[in-house]
Amino acid sequence: MASKKDDIFGSMRFVLPEHRVLYVDHLEDEKLVPLPILEEDEMQEINSMMHESIHSNQAVRVNWWRSTKGELGIVDEASGWVQKIDMINQRVKLMNQEEVHWINMNQLLRMRWM
């Protein structure tokens, strides 16, 4: 049986809707993380995989950080083929059958083969 402090709303008779919204927002904010800093070898591995994905037309799974509240954000993930590397704007075009993502190179965290 769960204790009352684990189920804050179940133990209360009445909760104002705005209090519940603030509590849910607080829980979402706890999931936010700052932008991780990658090591040089991790960046080189991502770079070589991007180029290889373009030339061999091989699918990859990409994780990147997306800012949601200032310096904090969430880690997104998508899979597809790297179609283009835009060196001027420092971004990568990742495309699959359903969607297209333009990902900032500074926010790339991980790339794996599918």
C-alpha atoms as a PDB file:
ATOM      1  CA  MET A   1       0.000   0.000   0.000  1.00  0.00           C
ATOM      2  CA  ALA A   2       1.388   3.396  -1.009  1.00  0.00           C
ATOM      3  CA  SER A   3       1.929   6.012   1.630  1.00  0.00           C
ATOM      4  CA  LYS A   4       0.104   9.334   1.565  1.00  0.00           C
ATOM      5  CA  LYS A   5       3.241  11.271   0.693  1.00  0.00           C
ATOM      6  CA  ASP A   6       3.764   9.126  -2.443  1.00  0.00           C
ATOM      7  CA  ASP A   7       0.250   9.913  -3.676  1.00  0.00           C
ATOM      8  CA  ILE A   8      -0.148  13.584  -2.830  1.00  0.00           C
ATOM      9  CA  PHE A   9      -3.406  14.063  -4.769  1.00  0.00           C
ATOM     10  CA  GLY A  10      -4.993  10.774  -3.749  1.00  0.00           C
ATOM     11  CA  SER A  11      -4.609  11.650  -0.076  1.00  0.00           C
ATOM     12  CA  MET A  12      -6.287  15.049  -0.413  1.00  0.00           C
ATOM     13  CA  ARG A  13     -10.005  15.620  -0.612  1.00  0.00           C
ATOM     14  CA  PHE A  14      -9.826  18.667  -2.834  1.00  0.00           C
ATOM     15  CA  VAL A  15      -7.088  20.009  -5.107  1.00  0.00           C
ATOM     16  CA  LEU A  16      -7.472  23.156  -7.129  1.00  0.00           C
ATOM     17  CA  PRO A  17      -6.885  22.610 -10.866  1.00  0.00           C
ATOM     18  CA  GLU A  18      -4.192  25.274 -10.955  1.00  0.00           C
ATOM     19  CA  HIS A  19      -2.327  23.518  -8.123  1.00  0.00           C
ATOM     20  CA  ARG A  20      -2.433  20.252 -10.028  1.00  0.00           C
ATOM     21  CA  VAL A  21      -1.137  21.977 -13.189  1.00  0.00           C
ATOM     22  CA  LEU A  22       1.735  23.530 -11.229  1.00  0.00           C
ATOM     23  CA  TYR A  23       2.616  20.162  -9.711  1.00  0.00           C
ATOM     24  CA  VAL A  24       2.593  18.406 -13.092  1.00  0.00           C
ATOM     25  CA  ASP A  25       4.746  21.219 -14.559  1.00  0.00           C
ATOM     26  CA  HIS A  26       7.173  20.791 -11.667  1.00  0.00           C
ATOM     27  CA  LEU A  27       7.455  17.057 -12.371  1.00  0.00           C
ATOM     28  CA  GLU A  28       8.121  17.789 -16.065  1.00  0.00           C
ATOM     29  CA  ASP A  29      10.795  20.357 -15.151  1.00  0.00           C
ATOM     30  CA  GLU A  30      12.620  17.730 -13.089  1.00  0.00           C
ATOM     31  CA  LYS A  31      13.127  15.689 -16.277  1.00  0.00           C
ATOM     32  CA  LEU A  32      15.002  18.529 -18.010  1.00  0.00           C
ATOM     33  CA  VAL A  33      18.786  18.288 -18.388  1.00  0.00           C
ATOM     34  CA  PRO A  34      21.524  20.749 -19.370  1.00  0.00           C
ATOM     35  CA  LEU A  35      23.325  20.317 -22.707  1.00  0.00           C
ATOM     36  CA  PRO A  36      25.911  17.523 -22.276  1.00  0.00           C
ATOM     37  CA  ILE A  37      29.473  18.215 -23.404  1.00  0.00           C
ATOM     38  CA  LEU A  38      30.904  15.551 -25.745  1.00  0.00           C
ATOM     39  CA  GLU A  39      34.494  14.357 -25.799  1.00  0.00           C
ATOM     40  CA  GLU A  40      36.577  14.848 -28.956  1.00  0.00           C
ATOM     41  CA  ASP A  41      36.497  11.139 -29.883  1.00  0.00           C
ATOM     42  CA  GLU A  42      32.682  11.058 -29.565  1.00  0.00           C
ATOM     43  CA  MET A  43      32.387  14.038 -31.918  1.00  0.00           C
ATOM     44  CA  GLN A  44      34.738  12.390 -34.434  1.00  0.00           C
ATOM     45  CA  GLU A  45      32.709   9.166 -34.317  1.00  0.00           C
ATOM     46  CA  ILE A  46      29.470  11.087 -34.989  1.00  0.00           C
ATOM     47  CA  ASN A  47      31.158  12.978 -37.829  1.00  0.00           C
ATOM     48  CA  SER A  48      32.420   9.810 -39.526  1.00  0.00           C
ATOM     49  CA  MET A  49      29.025   8.102 -39.141  1.00  0.00           C
ATOM     50  CA  MET A  50      27.273  11.099 -40.703  1.00  0.00           C
ATOM     51  CA  HIS A  51      29.543  10.998 -43.747  1.00  0.00           C
ATOM     52  CA  GLU A  52      29.266   7.233 -44.050  1.00  0.00           C
ATOM     53  CA  SER A  53      25.468   7.385 -43.797  1.00  0.00           C
ATOM     54  CA  ILE A  54      25.358   9.891 -46.674  1.00  0.00           C
ATOM     55  CA  HIS A  55      27.661   7.882 -48.932  1.00  0.00           C
ATOM     56  CA  SER A  56      26.336   4.388 -48.167  1.00  0.00           C
ATOM     57  CA  ASN A  57      22.691   5.450 -47.708  1.00  0.00           C
ATOM     58  CA  GLN A  58      22.585   3.527 -44.424  1.00  0.00           C
ATOM     59  CA  ALA A  59      20.007   4.325 -41.721  1.00  0.00           C
ATOM     60  CA  VAL A  60      21.090   5.685 -38.343  1.00  0.00           C
ATOM     61  CA  ARG A  61      19.433   6.412 -35.010  1.00  0.00           C
ATOM     62  CA  VAL A  62      20.268   9.883 -33.696  1.00  0.00           C
ATOM     63  CA  ASN A  63      19.946  11.400 -30.219  1.00  0.00           C
ATOM     64  CA  TRP A  64      20.101  15.162 -29.833  1.00  0.00           C
ATOM     65  CA  TRP A  65      19.432  17.723 -27.143  1.00  0.00           C
ATOM     66  CA  ARG A  66      16.578  20.196 -27.660  1.00  0.00           C
ATOM     67  CA  SER A  67      16.217  23.336 -25.545  1.00  0.00           C
ATOM     68  CA  THR A  68      12.838  23.749 -23.857  1.00  0.00           C
ATOM     69  CA  LYS A  69      13.477  26.189 -20.995  1.00  0.00           C
ATOM     70  CA  GLY A  70      16.587  28.297 -21.450  1.00  0.00           C
ATOM     71  CA  GLU A  71      19.657  26.250 -20.570  1.00  0.00           C
ATOM     72  CA  LEU A  72      17.604  23.113 -19.876  1.00  0.00           C
ATOM     73  CA  GLY A  73      16.106  20.754 -22.400  1.00  0.00           C
ATOM     74  CA  ILE A  74      15.224  17.202 -23.333  1.00  0.00           C
ATOM     75  CA  VAL A  75      16.929  14.516 -25.378  1.00  0.00           C
ATOM     76  CA  ASP A  76      15.086  13.658 -28.593  1.00  0.00           C
ATOM     77  CA  GLU A  77      15.594  10.580 -30.744  1.00  0.00           C
ATOM     78  CA  ALA A  78      14.816   9.810 -34.359  1.00  0.00           C
ATOM     79  CA  SER A  79      15.951   7.383 -37.011  1.00  0.00           C
ATOM     80  CA  GLY A  80      16.484   7.850 -40.722  1.00  0.00           C
ATOM     81  CA  TRP A  81      19.108   8.657 -43.310  1.00  0.00           C
ATOM     82  CA  VAL A  82      21.477  11.597 -43.211  1.00  0.00           C
ATOM     83  CA  GLN A  83      20.622  13.478 -46.410  1.00  0.00           C
ATOM     84  CA  LYS A  84      22.682  16.632 -46.104  1.00  0.00           C
ATOM     85  CA  ILE A  85      25.283  18.317 -43.933  1.00  0.00           C
ATOM     86  CA  ASP A  86      24.876  22.104 -43.959  1.00  0.00           C
ATOM     87  CA  MET A  87      28.285  23.428 -42.919  1.00  0.00           C
ATOM     88  CA  ILE A  88      27.230  27.084 -43.191  1.00  0.00           C
ATOM     89  CA  ASN A  89      24.392  26.781 -40.662  1.00  0.00           C
ATOM     90  CA  GLN A  90      26.043  23.907 -38.739  1.00  0.00           C
ATOM     91  CA  ARG A  91      23.129  21.495 -39.044  1.00  0.00           C
ATOM     92  CA  VAL A  92      22.302  18.032 -40.357  1.00  0.00           C
ATOM     93  CA  LYS A  93      19.266  16.947 -42.342  1.00  0.00           C
ATOM     94  CA  LEU A  94      17.912  13.615 -41.061  1.00  0.00           C
ATOM     95  CA  MET A  95      15.092  12.182 -43.119  1.00  0.00           C
ATOM     96  CA  ASN A  96      12.852   9.145 -42.857  1.00  0.00           C
ATOM     97  CA  GLN A  97       9.622   8.155 -44.589  1.00  0.00           C
ATOM     98  CA  GLU A  98       7.451  10.212 -42.227  1.00  0.00           C
ATOM     99  CA  GLU A  99       9.397  13.333 -41.280  1.00  0.00           C
ATOM    100  CA  VAL A 100      12.436  15.547 -41.778  1.00  0.00           C
ATOM    101  CA  HIS A 101      14.608  16.862 -38.922  1.00  0.00           C
ATOM    102  CA  TRP A 102      17.158  19.645 -39.189  1.00  0.00           C
ATOM    103  CA  ILE A 103      19.442  19.028 -36.207  1.00  0.00           C
ATOM    104  CA  ASN A 104      22.002  21.518 -34.952  1.00  0.00           C
ATOM    105  CA  MET A 105      25.466  19.874 -34.998  1.00  0.00           C
ATOM    106  CA  ASN A 106      26.295  21.374 -31.596  1.00  0.00           C
ATOM    107  CA  GLN A 107      23.333  19.525 -30.093  1.00  0.00           C
ATOM    108  CA  LEU A 108      24.109  16.042 -31.472  1.00  0.00           C
ATOM    109  CA  LEU A 109      24.713  13.585 -28.650  1.00  0.00           C
ATOM    110  CA  ARG A 110      24.844  10.124 -30.166  1.00  0.00           C
ATOM    111  CA  MET A 111      24.560   8.310 -33.479  1.00  0.00           C
ATOM    112  CA  ARG A 112      24.197   4.542 -33.946  1.00  0.00           C
ATOM    113  CA  TRP A 113      23.673   2.241 -36.918  1.00  0.00           C
ATOM    114  CA  MET A 114      20.255   0.716 -37.309  1.00  0.00           C
END
